[in-house]
């Protein structure tokens, strides 16, 4: 972006998408940086999607629910209502 003369605050979603199309291997560090910059007011709200996660082979049901509960309790990017509703359904499903 700097090579194109863009300041961080001027980067648009279109430019992020174009960058990721050419540099897909940078998704994780770019996502972390964009989240950091947005939270601190240095950048507009931009979307850098996660890679889809696969369930590990051989995961038993209890561990699956425990993993989901942990995500609901710790993933601050999920809306609070989703975290609350998901957390209560995960804890009741595992009992």
PDB file of N, CA and C in Angstrom:
ATOM      1  N   UNK A   1       0.825  -1.180   0.000  1.00  0.00           N
ATOM      2  CA  UNK A   1       0.000   0.000   0.000  1.00  0.00           C
ATOM      3  C   UNK A   1       0.875   1.251   0.000  1.00  0.00           C
ATOM      4  N   UNK A   2       1.952   1.192   0.764  1.00  0.00           N
ATOM      5  CA  UNK A   2       2.851   2.339   0.824  1.00  0.00           C
ATOM      6  C   UNK A   2       3.466   2.610  -0.553  1.00  0.00           C
ATOM      7  N   UNK A   3       3.761   1.539  -1.299  1.00  0.00           N
ATOM      8  CA  UNK A   3       4.330   1.712  -2.639  1.00  0.00           C
ATOM      9  C   UNK A   3       3.359   2.438  -3.566  1.00  0.00           C
ATOM     10  N   UNK A   4       2.078   2.343  -3.274  1.00  0.00           N
ATOM     11  CA  UNK A   4       1.054   3.029  -4.076  1.00  0.00           C
ATOM     12  C   UNK A   4       0.728   4.404  -3.513  1.00  0.00           C
ATOM     13  N   UNK A   5       1.445   4.806  -2.470  1.00  0.00           N
ATOM     14  CA  UNK A   5       1.239   6.128  -1.897  1.00  0.00           C
ATOM     15  C   UNK A   5       0.021   6.241  -1.000  1.00  0.00           C
ATOM     16  N   UNK A   6      -0.474   5.097  -0.511  1.00  0.00           N
ATOM     17  CA  UNK A   6      -1.657   5.107   0.358  1.00  0.00           C
ATOM     18  C   UNK A   6      -1.260   5.145   1.823  1.00  0.00           C
ATOM     19  N   UNK A   7      -1.942   5.956   2.574  1.00  0.00           N
ATOM     20  CA  UNK A   7      -1.809   5.938   4.023  1.00  0.00           C
ATOM     21  C   UNK A   7      -2.743   4.865   4.562  1.00  0.00           C
ATOM     22  N   UNK A   8      -2.424   4.311   5.706  1.00  0.00           N
ATOM     23  CA  UNK A   8      -3.231   3.244   6.300  1.00  0.00           C
ATOM     24  C   UNK A   8      -4.694   3.650   6.435  1.00  0.00           C
ATOM     25  N   UNK A   9      -4.949   4.868   6.857  1.00  0.00           N
ATOM     26  CA  UNK A   9      -6.330   5.320   7.057  1.00  0.00           C
ATOM     27  C   UNK A   9      -7.111   5.439   5.746  1.00  0.00           C
ATOM     28  N   UNK A  10      -6.415   5.431   4.599  1.00  0.00           N
ATOM     29  CA  UNK A  10      -7.067   5.565   3.301  1.00  0.00           C
ATOM     30  C   UNK A  10      -7.291   4.237   2.578  1.00  0.00           C
ATOM     31  N   UNK A  11      -6.801   3.142   3.144  1.00  0.00           N
ATOM     32  CA  UNK A  11      -6.941   1.832   2.513  1.00  0.00           C
ATOM     33  C   UNK A  11      -8.406   1.404   2.558  1.00  0.00           C
ATOM     34  N   UNK A  12      -8.913   0.918   1.412  1.00  0.00           N
ATOM     35  CA  UNK A  12     -10.311   0.487   1.317  1.00  0.00           C
ATOM     36  C   UNK A  12     -10.401  -1.041   1.289  1.00  0.00           C
ATOM     37  N   UNK A  13     -11.620  -1.533   1.429  1.00  0.00           N
ATOM     38  CA  UNK A  13     -11.847  -2.984   1.367  1.00  0.00           C
ATOM     39  C   UNK A  13     -11.417  -3.537   0.015  1.00  0.00           C
ATOM     40  N   UNK A  14     -11.669  -2.795  -1.040  1.00  0.00           N
ATOM     41  CA  UNK A  14     -11.275  -3.227  -2.387  1.00  0.00           C
ATOM     42  C   UNK A  14      -9.757  -3.466  -2.454  1.00  0.00           C
ATOM     43  N   UNK A  15      -8.984  -2.572  -1.861  1.00  0.00           N
ATOM     44  CA  UNK A  15      -7.525  -2.714  -1.892  1.00  0.00           C
ATOM     45  C   UNK A  15      -7.058  -3.902  -1.046  1.00  0.00           C
ATOM     46  N   UNK A  16      -7.707  -4.134   0.076  1.00  0.00           N
ATOM     47  CA  UNK A  16      -7.369  -5.301   0.891  1.00  0.00           C
ATOM     48  C   UNK A  16      -7.681  -6.583   0.117  1.00  0.00           C
ATOM     49  N   UNK A  17      -8.852  -6.643  -0.507  1.00  0.00           N
ATOM     50  CA  UNK A  17      -9.238  -7.826  -1.287  1.00  0.00           C
ATOM     51  C   UNK A  17      -8.265  -8.076  -2.433  1.00  0.00           C
ATOM     52  N   UNK A  18      -7.866  -7.004  -3.118  1.00  0.00           N
ATOM     53  CA  UNK A  18      -6.916  -7.131  -4.230  1.00  0.00           C
ATOM     54  C   UNK A  18      -5.574  -7.645  -3.720  1.00  0.00           C
ATOM     55  N   UNK A  19      -5.122  -7.139  -2.576  1.00  0.00           N
ATOM     56  CA  UNK A  19      -3.858  -7.598  -1.993  1.00  0.00           C
ATOM     57  C   UNK A  19      -3.923  -9.087  -1.672  1.00  0.00           C
ATOM     58  N   UNK A  20      -5.014  -9.512  -1.029  1.00  0.00           N
ATOM     59  CA  UNK A  20      -5.141 -10.917  -0.640  1.00  0.00           C
ATOM     60  C   UNK A  20      -5.268 -11.834  -1.850  1.00  0.00           C
ATOM     61  N   UNK A  21      -5.850 -11.343  -2.937  1.00  0.00           N
ATOM     62  CA  UNK A  21      -5.970 -12.156  -4.155  1.00  0.00           C
ATOM     63  C   UNK A  21      -4.588 -12.468  -4.726  1.00  0.00           C
ATOM     64  N   UNK A  22      -3.667 -11.541  -4.612  1.00  0.00           N
ATOM     65  CA  UNK A  22      -2.320 -11.721  -5.147  1.00  0.00           C
ATOM     66  C   UNK A  22      -1.385 -12.352  -4.112  1.00  0.00           C
ATOM     67  N   UNK A  23      -1.663 -12.122  -2.832  1.00  0.00           N
ATOM     68  CA  UNK A  23      -0.799 -12.583  -1.739  1.00  0.00           C
ATOM     69  C   UNK A  23      -1.579 -13.400  -0.713  1.00  0.00           C
ATOM     70  N   UNK A  24      -2.180 -14.520  -1.095  1.00  0.00           N
ATOM     71  CA  UNK A  24      -3.045 -15.253  -0.158  1.00  0.00           C
ATOM     72  C   UNK A  24      -2.304 -15.780   1.063  1.00  0.00           C
ATOM     73  N   UNK A  25      -1.022 -16.007   0.963  1.00  0.00           N
ATOM     74  CA  UNK A  25      -0.258 -16.522   2.090  1.00  0.00           C
ATOM     75  C   UNK A  25      -0.054 -15.500   3.203  1.00  0.00           C
ATOM     76  N   UNK A  26      -0.424 -14.249   2.950  1.00  0.00           N
ATOM     77  CA  UNK A  26      -0.249 -13.207   3.963  1.00  0.00           C
ATOM     78  C   UNK A  26      -1.512 -12.983   4.784  1.00  0.00           C
ATOM     79  N   UNK A  27      -2.523 -13.806   4.574  1.00  0.00           N
ATOM     80  CA  UNK A  27      -3.821 -13.594   5.214  1.00  0.00           C
ATOM     81  C   UNK A  27      -3.720 -13.469   6.735  1.00  0.00           C
ATOM     82  N   UNK A  28      -2.982 -14.375   7.392  1.00  0.00           N
ATOM     83  CA  UNK A  28      -2.916 -14.335   8.860  1.00  0.00           C
ATOM     84  C   UNK A  28      -2.235 -13.073   9.379  1.00  0.00           C
ATOM     85  N   UNK A  29      -1.015 -12.744   8.908  1.00  0.00           N
ATOM     86  CA  UNK A  29      -0.401 -11.518   9.439  1.00  0.00           C
ATOM     87  C   UNK A  29      -1.162 -10.259   9.043  1.00  0.00           C
ATOM     88  N   UNK A  30      -1.733 -10.235   7.837  1.00  0.00           N
ATOM     89  CA  UNK A  30      -2.507  -9.063   7.416  1.00  0.00           C
ATOM     90  C   UNK A  30      -3.740  -8.929   8.292  1.00  0.00           C
ATOM     91  N   UNK A  31      -4.414 -10.033   8.573  1.00  0.00           N
ATOM     92  CA  UNK A  31      -5.618  -9.985   9.400  1.00  0.00           C
ATOM     93  C   UNK A  31      -5.293  -9.464  10.799  1.00  0.00           C
ATOM     94  N   UNK A  32      -4.245  -9.995  11.388  1.00  0.00           N
ATOM     95  CA  UNK A  32      -3.848  -9.531  12.723  1.00  0.00           C
ATOM     96  C   UNK A  32      -3.544  -8.035  12.724  1.00  0.00           C
ATOM     97  N   UNK A  33      -2.823  -7.588  11.711  1.00  0.00           N
ATOM     98  CA  UNK A  33      -2.475  -6.172  11.627  1.00  0.00           C
ATOM     99  C   UNK A  33      -3.711  -5.305  11.426  1.00  0.00           C
ATOM    100  N   UNK A  34      -4.621  -5.725  10.538  1.00  0.00           N
ATOM    101  CA  UNK A  34      -5.835  -4.941  10.273  1.00  0.00           C
ATOM    102  C   UNK A  34      -6.696  -4.846  11.525  1.00  0.00           C
ATOM    103  N   UNK A  35      -6.845  -5.939  12.246  1.00  0.00           N
ATOM    104  CA  UNK A  35      -7.622  -5.915  13.489  1.00  0.00           C
ATOM    105  C   UNK A  35      -6.975  -4.947  14.477  1.00  0.00           C
ATOM    106  N   UNK A  36      -5.657  -5.032  14.630  1.00  0.00           N
ATOM    107  CA  UNK A  36      -4.936  -4.136  15.538  1.00  0.00           C
ATOM    108  C   UNK A  36      -5.133  -2.679  15.124  1.00  0.00           C
ATOM    109  N   UNK A  37      -4.921  -2.376  13.848  1.00  0.00           N
ATOM    110  CA  UNK A  37      -5.010  -0.997  13.362  1.00  0.00           C
ATOM    111  C   UNK A  37      -6.422  -0.446  13.483  1.00  0.00           C
ATOM    112  N   UNK A  38      -7.417  -1.264  13.217  1.00  0.00           N
ATOM    113  CA  UNK A  38      -8.810  -0.819  13.310  1.00  0.00           C
ATOM    114  C   UNK A  38      -9.183  -0.517  14.755  1.00  0.00           C
ATOM    115  N   UNK A  39      -8.809  -1.395  15.659  1.00  0.00           N
ATOM    116  CA  UNK A  39      -9.147  -1.201  17.079  1.00  0.00           C
ATOM    117  C   UNK A  39      -8.519   0.070  17.658  1.00  0.00           C
ATOM    118  N   UNK A  40      -7.423   0.479  17.079  1.00  0.00           N
ATOM    119  CA  UNK A  40      -6.740   1.669  17.581  1.00  0.00           C
ATOM    120  C   UNK A  40      -7.069   2.927  16.774  1.00  0.00           C
ATOM    121  N   UNK A  41      -7.969   2.802  15.823  1.00  0.00           N
ATOM    122  CA  UNK A  41      -8.412   3.956  15.052  1.00  0.00           C
ATOM    123  C   UNK A  41      -7.463   4.389  13.950  1.00  0.00           C
ATOM    124  N   UNK A  42      -6.520   3.519  13.576  1.00  0.00           N
ATOM    125  CA  UNK A  42      -5.565   3.866  12.519  1.00  0.00           C
ATOM    126  C   UNK A  42      -6.077   3.489  11.130  1.00  0.00           C
ATOM    127  N   UNK A  43      -7.120   2.662  11.079  1.00  0.00           N
ATOM    128  CA  UNK A  43      -7.645   2.189   9.795  1.00  0.00           C
ATOM    129  C   UNK A  43      -9.158   2.113   9.865  1.00  0.00           C
ATOM    130  N   UNK A  44      -9.777   2.122   8.687  1.00  0.00           N
ATOM    131  CA  UNK A  44     -11.226   1.909   8.597  1.00  0.00           C
ATOM    132  C   UNK A  44     -11.517   0.458   8.962  1.00  0.00           C
ATOM    133  N   UNK A  45     -12.781   0.159   9.182  1.00  0.00           N
ATOM    134  CA  UNK A  45     -13.171  -1.228   9.422  1.00  0.00           C
ATOM    135  C   UNK A  45     -13.000  -1.980   8.108  1.00  0.00           C
ATOM    136  N   UNK A  46     -12.137  -2.975   8.125  1.00  0.00           N
ATOM    137  CA  UNK A  46     -11.833  -3.781   6.940  1.00  0.00           C
ATOM    138  C   UNK A  46     -11.995  -5.248   7.306  1.00  0.00           C
ATOM    139  N   UNK A  47     -12.388  -6.048   6.329  1.00  0.00           N
ATOM    140  CA  UNK A  47     -12.627  -7.468   6.575  1.00  0.00           C
ATOM    141  C   UNK A  47     -11.519  -8.293   5.945  1.00  0.00           C
ATOM    142  N   UNK A  48     -10.845  -9.077   6.756  1.00  0.00           N
ATOM    143  CA  UNK A  48      -9.886 -10.067   6.275  1.00  0.00           C
ATOM    144  C   UNK A  48     -10.379 -11.386   6.855  1.00  0.00           C
ATOM    145  N   UNK A  49     -11.079 -12.186   6.053  1.00  0.00           N
ATOM    146  CA  UNK A  49     -11.708 -13.399   6.586  1.00  0.00           C
ATOM    147  C   UNK A  49     -10.696 -14.425   7.080  1.00  0.00           C
ATOM    148  N   UNK A  50     -11.141 -15.203   8.069  1.00  0.00           N
ATOM    149  CA  UNK A  50     -10.342 -16.330   8.568  1.00  0.00           C
ATOM    150  C   UNK A  50     -10.315 -17.414   7.511  1.00  0.00           C
ATOM    151  N   UNK A  51      -9.275 -18.244   7.559  1.00  0.00           N
ATOM    152  CA  UNK A  51      -9.312 -19.475   6.783  1.00  0.00           C
ATOM    153  C   UNK A  51     -10.326 -20.379   7.469  1.00  0.00           C
ATOM    154  N   UNK A  52     -11.073 -21.169   6.720  1.00  0.00           N
ATOM    155  CA  UNK A  52     -12.001 -22.096   7.381  1.00  0.00           C
ATOM    156  C   UNK A  52     -11.234 -23.077   8.271  1.00  0.00           C
ATOM    157  N   UNK A  53     -11.799 -23.345   9.429  1.00  0.00           N
ATOM    158  CA  UNK A  53     -11.162 -24.273  10.360  1.00  0.00           C
ATOM    159  C   UNK A  53     -11.790 -25.651  10.202  1.00  0.00           C
ATOM    160  N   UNK A  54     -10.946 -26.670  10.258  1.00  0.00           N
ATOM    161  CA  UNK A  54     -11.427 -28.044  10.179  1.00  0.00           C
ATOM    162  C   UNK A  54     -11.403 -28.646  11.573  1.00  0.00           C
ATOM    163  N   UNK A  55     -12.379 -29.496  11.849  1.00  0.00           N
ATOM    164  CA  UNK A  55     -12.365 -30.213  13.115  1.00  0.00           C
ATOM    165  C   UNK A  55     -11.232 -31.235  13.078  1.00  0.00           C
ATOM    166  N   UNK A  56     -10.469 -31.334  14.151  1.00  0.00           N
ATOM    167  CA  UNK A  56      -9.413 -32.357  14.193  1.00  0.00           C
ATOM    168  C   UNK A  56     -10.022 -33.758  14.094  1.00  0.00           C
ATOM    169  N   UNK A  57      -9.329 -34.642  13.430  1.00  0.00           N
ATOM    170  CA  UNK A  57      -9.792 -36.019  13.283  1.00  0.00           C
ATOM    171  C   UNK A  57      -9.745 -36.694  14.650  1.00  0.00           C
ATOM    172  N   UNK A  58     -10.799 -37.421  14.964  1.00  0.00           N
ATOM    173  CA  UNK A  58     -10.836 -38.180  16.192  1.00  0.00           C
ATOM    174  C   UNK A  58     -11.268 -37.382  17.415  1.00  0.00           C
ATOM    175  N   UNK A  59     -11.832 -36.191  17.219  1.00  0.00           N
ATOM    176  CA  UNK A  59     -12.271 -35.389  18.359  1.00  0.00           C
ATOM    177  C   UNK A  59     -13.571 -35.981  18.909  1.00  0.00           C
ATOM    178  N   UNK A  60     -13.596 -36.270  20.207  1.00  0.00           N
ATOM    179  CA  UNK A  60     -14.835 -36.795  20.775  1.00  0.00           C
ATOM    180  C   UNK A  60     -15.824 -35.645  21.035  1.00  0.00           C
ATOM    181  N   UNK A  61     -17.073 -35.989  21.264  1.00  0.00           N
ATOM    182  CA  UNK A  61     -18.135 -34.985  21.392  1.00  0.00           C
ATOM    183  C   UNK A  61     -17.912 -34.045  22.577  1.00  0.00           C
ATOM    184  N   UNK A  62     -17.462 -34.575  23.715  1.00  0.00           N
ATOM    185  CA  UNK A  62     -17.220 -33.724  24.880  1.00  0.00           C
ATOM    186  C   UNK A  62     -16.155 -32.674  24.589  1.00  0.00           C
ATOM    187  N   UNK A  63     -15.080 -33.102  23.930  1.00  0.00           N
ATOM    188  CA  UNK A  63     -14.014 -32.159  23.611  1.00  0.00           C
ATOM    189  C   UNK A  63     -14.515 -31.110  22.616  1.00  0.00           C
ATOM    190  N   UNK A  64     -15.350 -31.538  21.676  1.00  0.00           N
ATOM    191  CA  UNK A  64     -15.939 -30.611  20.697  1.00  0.00           C
ATOM    192  C   UNK A  64     -16.716 -29.495  21.414  1.00  0.00           C
ATOM    193  N   UNK A  65     -17.577 -29.863  22.362  1.00  0.00           N
ATOM    194  CA  UNK A  65     -18.366 -28.868  23.089  1.00  0.00           C
ATOM    195  C   UNK A  65     -17.474 -27.983  23.967  1.00  0.00           C
ATOM    196  N   UNK A  66     -16.446 -28.581  24.547  1.00  0.00           N
ATOM    197  CA  UNK A  66     -15.510 -27.815  25.363  1.00  0.00           C
ATOM    198  C   UNK A  66     -14.780 -26.767  24.510  1.00  0.00           C
ATOM    199  N   UNK A  67     -14.402 -27.163  23.313  1.00  0.00           N
ATOM    200  CA  UNK A  67     -13.724 -26.247  22.383  1.00  0.00           C
ATOM    201  C   UNK A  67     -14.655 -25.099  21.985  1.00  0.00           C
ATOM    202  N   UNK A  68     -15.913 -25.418  21.682  1.00  0.00           N
ATOM    203  CA  UNK A  68     -16.869 -24.372  21.321  1.00  0.00           C
ATOM    204  C   UNK A  68     -17.120 -23.415  22.481  1.00  0.00           C
ATOM    205  N   UNK A  69     -17.246 -23.952  23.677  1.00  0.00           N
ATOM    206  CA  UNK A  69     -17.449 -23.102  24.846  1.00  0.00           C
ATOM    207  C   UNK A  69     -16.254 -22.171  25.047  1.00  0.00           C
ATOM    208  N   UNK A  70     -15.058 -22.719  24.910  1.00  0.00           N
ATOM    209  CA  UNK A  70     -13.854 -21.890  25.046  1.00  0.00           C
ATOM    210  C   UNK A  70     -13.858 -20.757  24.021  1.00  0.00           C
ATOM    211  N   UNK A  71     -14.234 -21.055  22.776  1.00  0.00           N
ATOM    212  CA  UNK A  71     -14.285 -20.015  21.750  1.00  0.00           C
ATOM    213  C   UNK A  71     -15.295 -18.934  22.126  1.00  0.00           C
ATOM    214  N   UNK A  72     -16.471 -19.332  22.587  1.00  0.00           N
ATOM    215  CA  UNK A  72     -17.514 -18.357  22.948  1.00  0.00           C
ATOM    216  C   UNK A  72     -17.065 -17.466  24.112  1.00  0.00           C
ATOM    217  N   UNK A  73     -16.268 -18.010  25.013  1.00  0.00           N
ATOM    218  CA  UNK A  73     -15.816 -17.243  26.169  1.00  0.00           C
ATOM    219  C   UNK A  73     -14.635 -16.326  25.855  1.00  0.00           C
ATOM    220  N   UNK A  74     -13.860 -16.650  24.819  1.00  0.00           N
ATOM    221  CA  UNK A  74     -12.624 -15.908  24.580  1.00  0.00           C
ATOM    222  C   UNK A  74     -12.568 -15.126  23.273  1.00  0.00           C
ATOM    223  N   UNK A  75     -13.403 -15.442  22.290  1.00  0.00           N
ATOM    224  CA  UNK A  75     -13.328 -14.782  20.977  1.00  0.00           C
ATOM    225  C   UNK A  75     -14.055 -13.444  21.033  1.00  0.00           C
ATOM    226  N   UNK A  76     -13.306 -12.379  21.252  1.00  0.00           N
ATOM    227  CA  UNK A  76     -13.896 -11.050  21.411  1.00  0.00           C
ATOM    228  C   UNK A  76     -14.426 -10.476  20.101  1.00  0.00           C
ATOM    229  N   UNK A  77     -14.168 -11.142  18.974  1.00  0.00           N
ATOM    230  CA  UNK A  77     -14.695 -10.656  17.700  1.00  0.00           C
ATOM    231  C   UNK A  77     -16.136 -11.125  17.461  1.00  0.00           C
ATOM    232  N   UNK A  78     -16.591 -12.097  18.217  1.00  0.00           N
ATOM    233  CA  UNK A  78     -17.986 -12.527  18.114  1.00  0.00           C
ATOM    234  C   UNK A  78     -18.862 -11.508  18.837  1.00  0.00           C
ATOM    235  N   UNK A  79     -20.040 -11.198  18.296  1.00  0.00           N
ATOM    236  CA  UNK A  79     -20.945 -10.288  19.006  1.00  0.00           C
ATOM    237  C   UNK A  79     -21.303 -10.858  20.380  1.00  0.00           C
ATOM    238  N   UNK A  80     -21.484  -9.969  21.351  1.00  0.00           N
ATOM    239  CA  UNK A  80     -21.729 -10.391  22.728  1.00  0.00           C
ATOM    240  C   UNK A  80     -22.952 -11.302  22.838  1.00  0.00           C
ATOM    241  N   UNK A  81     -24.032 -10.993  22.101  1.00  0.00           N
ATOM    242  CA  UNK A  81     -25.225 -11.838  22.140  1.00  0.00           C
ATOM    243  C   UNK A  81     -24.941 -13.256  21.666  1.00  0.00           C
ATOM    244  N   UNK A  82     -24.122 -13.382  20.625  1.00  0.00           N
ATOM    245  CA  UNK A  82     -23.755 -14.706  20.108  1.00  0.00           C
ATOM    246  C   UNK A  82     -22.905 -15.437  21.134  1.00  0.00           C
ATOM    247  N   UNK A  83     -21.973 -14.713  21.750  1.00  0.00           N
ATOM    248  CA  UNK A  83     -21.121 -15.335  22.762  1.00  0.00           C
ATOM    249  C   UNK A  83     -21.950 -15.837  23.937  1.00  0.00           C
ATOM    250  N   UNK A  84     -22.902 -15.014  24.402  1.00  0.00           N
ATOM    251  CA  UNK A  84     -23.732 -15.399  25.534  1.00  0.00           C
ATOM    252  C   UNK A  84     -24.634 -16.578  25.199  1.00  0.00           C
ATOM    253  N   UNK A  85     -25.335 -16.485  24.077  1.00  0.00           N
ATOM    254  CA  UNK A  85     -26.242 -17.560  23.677  1.00  0.00           C
ATOM    255  C   UNK A  85     -25.474 -18.834  23.370  1.00  0.00           C
ATOM    256  N   UNK A  86     -24.368 -18.704  22.676  1.00  0.00           N
ATOM    257  CA  UNK A  86     -23.549 -19.869  22.336  1.00  0.00           C
ATOM    258  C   UNK A  86     -22.940 -20.499  23.567  1.00  0.00           C
ATOM    259  N   UNK A  87     -22.521 -19.662  24.509  1.00  0.00           N
ATOM    260  CA  UNK A  87     -21.928 -20.192  25.733  1.00  0.00           C
ATOM    261  C   UNK A  87     -22.915 -20.987  26.549  1.00  0.00           C
ATOM    262  N   UNK A  88     -24.149 -20.488  26.650  1.00  0.00           N
ATOM    263  CA  UNK A  88     -25.143 -21.206  27.451  1.00  0.00           C
ATOM    264  C   UNK A  88     -25.573 -22.496  26.757  1.00  0.00           C
ATOM    265  N   UNK A  89     -25.645 -22.487  25.420  1.00  0.00           N
ATOM    266  CA  UNK A  89     -26.036 -23.724  24.734  1.00  0.00           C
ATOM    267  C   UNK A  89     -24.897 -24.741  24.771  1.00  0.00           C
ATOM    268  N   UNK A  90     -23.661 -24.278  24.719  1.00  0.00           N
ATOM    269  CA  UNK A  90     -22.527 -25.209  24.797  1.00  0.00           C
ATOM    270  C   UNK A  90     -22.446 -25.859  26.170  1.00  0.00           C
ATOM    271  N   UNK A  91     -22.651 -25.073  27.227  1.00  0.00           N
ATOM    272  CA  UNK A  91     -22.525 -25.648  28.561  1.00  0.00           C
ATOM    273  C   UNK A  91     -23.660 -26.608  28.863  1.00  0.00           C
ATOM    274  N   UNK A  92     -24.858 -26.344  28.352  1.00  0.00           N
ATOM    275  CA  UNK A  92     -25.966 -27.258  28.608  1.00  0.00           C
ATOM    276  C   UNK A  92     -25.859 -28.524  27.759  1.00  0.00           C
ATOM    277  N   UNK A  93     -25.234 -28.418  26.579  1.00  0.00           N
ATOM    278  CA  UNK A  93     -25.096 -29.576  25.719  1.00  0.00           C
ATOM    279  C   UNK A  93     -24.083 -30.572  26.262  1.00  0.00           C
ATOM    280  N   UNK A  94     -23.091 -30.061  27.002  1.00  0.00           N
ATOM    281  CA  UNK A  94     -22.047 -30.948  27.483  1.00  0.00           C
ATOM    282  C   UNK A  94     -22.407 -31.621  28.802  1.00  0.00           C
ATOM    283  N   UNK A  95     -23.543 -31.265  29.410  1.00  0.00           N
ATOM    284  CA  UNK A  95     -23.913 -31.875  30.694  1.00  0.00           C
ATOM    285  C   UNK A  95     -24.884 -33.006  30.501  1.00  0.00           C
TER     286      UNK A  95
END
